[in-house]
Each structure stands twice: as C-alpha cells, then as structure tokens.
Protein backbone atom coordinates (compact mmCIF):
# COMPACT_ATOMS: atom_id res chain seq x y z
CA THR A 1 -51.41 76.84 -27.58
CA LEU A 2 -54.49 74.77 -26.75
CA ASP A 3 -57.20 74.87 -29.39
CA LYS A 4 -60.57 74.79 -27.61
CA ASP A 5 -62.39 73.36 -30.63
CA ILE A 6 -59.93 70.48 -31.07
CA GLN A 7 -59.93 69.97 -27.29
CA PHE A 8 -63.73 69.66 -27.35
CA LEU A 9 -63.74 67.16 -30.24
CA ILE A 10 -61.04 64.93 -28.76
CA ARG A 11 -62.75 64.93 -25.35
CA LYS A 12 -66.04 63.97 -27.02
CA GLU A 13 -64.40 61.02 -28.82
CA LEU A 14 -62.59 59.85 -25.68
CA ILE A 15 -65.85 59.88 -23.73
CA LYS A 16 -67.58 57.89 -26.50
CA TYR A 17 -64.91 55.17 -26.57
CA GLN A 18 -64.51 55.11 -22.80
CA GLU A 19 -68.20 54.18 -22.61
CA ILE A 20 -67.84 51.56 -25.36
CA PHE A 21 -64.79 49.88 -23.78
CA LYS A 22 -65.89 50.47 -20.16
CA SER A 23 -62.45 51.84 -19.26
CA LYS A 24 -61.64 53.57 -15.98
CA GLY A 25 -59.93 56.41 -17.78
CA SER A 26 -58.35 57.58 -20.99
CA ALA A 27 -56.02 60.27 -22.27
CA ALA A 28 -54.97 61.94 -25.49
CA ILE A 29 -52.41 64.52 -26.48
CA LEU A 30 -52.21 66.24 -29.86
CA MET A 31 -49.01 68.10 -30.69
CA ASN A 32 -47.98 70.11 -33.73
CA VAL A 33 -44.83 68.25 -34.81
CA ASN A 34 -43.50 71.28 -36.66
CA ASN A 35 -43.23 73.58 -33.65
CA GLY A 36 -44.02 71.46 -30.55
CA ASN A 37 -47.20 73.36 -29.68
CA ILE A 38 -49.69 71.28 -27.67
CA LEU A 39 -53.05 71.62 -29.42
CA SER A 40 -54.99 69.35 -27.08
CA LEU A 41 -54.36 67.51 -23.82
CA VAL A 42 -57.31 65.57 -22.40
CA SER A 43 -57.44 63.22 -19.43
CA LEU A 44 -60.59 61.40 -18.32
CA PRO A 45 -62.32 61.22 -15.97
CA ASP A 46 -62.26 64.96 -15.62
CA PHE A 47 -64.11 67.51 -13.54
CA ASN A 48 -65.12 71.14 -13.59
CA PRO A 49 -62.56 72.93 -11.38
CA ASN A 50 -65.18 75.59 -10.63
CA GLU A 51 -67.40 72.94 -9.01
CA ARG A 52 -64.68 70.85 -7.39
CA GLN A 53 -65.32 70.10 -3.74
CA ASP A 54 -62.99 67.40 -2.48
CA ILE A 55 -61.84 64.72 -4.89
CA SER A 56 -59.83 61.96 -3.29
CA ASP A 57 -60.54 59.25 -5.90
CA VAL A 58 -57.22 58.22 -7.50
CA ASN A 59 -58.93 57.95 -10.90
CA TYR A 60 -58.92 61.76 -11.06
CA ILE A 61 -55.29 62.15 -12.10
CA ASN A 62 -53.93 63.72 -15.22
CA ARG A 63 -53.18 60.53 -17.14
CA VAL A 64 -51.02 62.38 -19.67
CA THR A 65 -48.64 63.95 -17.16
CA LYS A 66 -48.89 61.56 -14.19
CA GLY A 67 -49.88 58.26 -15.78
CA THR A 68 -47.41 55.37 -15.78
CA TYR A 69 -47.29 53.15 -18.86
CA GLU A 70 -45.21 50.22 -20.03
CA LEU A 71 -42.68 51.26 -22.67
CA GLY A 72 -44.04 48.78 -25.21
CA SER A 73 -47.41 50.49 -25.18
CA VAL A 74 -45.87 53.89 -25.82
CA PHE A 75 -43.39 52.81 -28.49
CA LYS A 76 -46.01 51.05 -30.65
CA THR A 77 -47.15 54.49 -31.81
CA PHE A 78 -43.63 55.48 -32.86
CA THR A 79 -43.02 52.15 -34.60
CA PHE A 80 -46.27 52.51 -36.55
CA ALA A 81 -45.53 56.16 -37.46
CA SER A 82 -42.01 55.25 -38.62
CA ALA A 83 -43.30 52.41 -40.78
CA LEU A 84 -45.82 54.79 -42.39
CA ASP A 85 -43.12 57.42 -42.92
CA GLU A 86 -40.77 54.90 -44.57
CA LYS A 87 -43.66 53.61 -46.70
CA LEU A 88 -43.20 50.08 -45.34
CA ILE A 89 -46.94 49.97 -44.65
CA ASN A 90 -49.97 52.05 -45.58
CA LEU A 91 -53.34 52.62 -43.94
CA SER A 92 -54.86 49.66 -45.77
CA SER A 93 -52.07 47.20 -44.85
CA ILE A 94 -53.20 43.97 -43.20
CA SER A 95 -51.31 42.33 -40.36
CA ILE A 96 -50.69 38.59 -40.81
CA GLN A 97 -50.36 36.72 -37.52
C-alpha cells in the first residue's frame, strides 16, 4: 500500500530537518486511519539496497520497526490528536507554561 510519491515527499522533508537539527537519524510513518494501509514508512539514514556492500554501522536500522522510544515521546502524539478531536485545542492554540 506504499505510495511512492508520498514516500518521496516525506523522505525529502526528513532529510531537510535531519540536516537542520543535526540528528543521527529520523523516521516517519503515515497510515490511512480508515483502513490501516501504510502509505509511507521512512527511516533515515537509508541506503540503496542495490548498492549495499557491507553495512555494520548501527545507525542503519529501521527506526520505525526496530527503534526503541520512551512511552512519553510516543503518547504525546495521541494526546495531541485526542485534544484536537475533542476540540479542546485547535491549531492556533498557545501553550502557557
């Protein structure tokens, strides 16, 4: 169910922001919530499997399927989405610390 055009655009954006933030890697997954189809799954750094020789660098993992993340980092997305869905916040809401 991957969409090559969406995959290309998401990869392009991840590369741009990885350079801005000087991160070791990044990942994104885009899923159709109506049917569960995965439209895009990108993990950086990546490589061309046709040109792969011998990669032993641990940075070349699939960060979506093999990455380990603290639960708080993952659940922030769901908390934000729920607040939007319940109309408790909107895209122009400002956080007061």
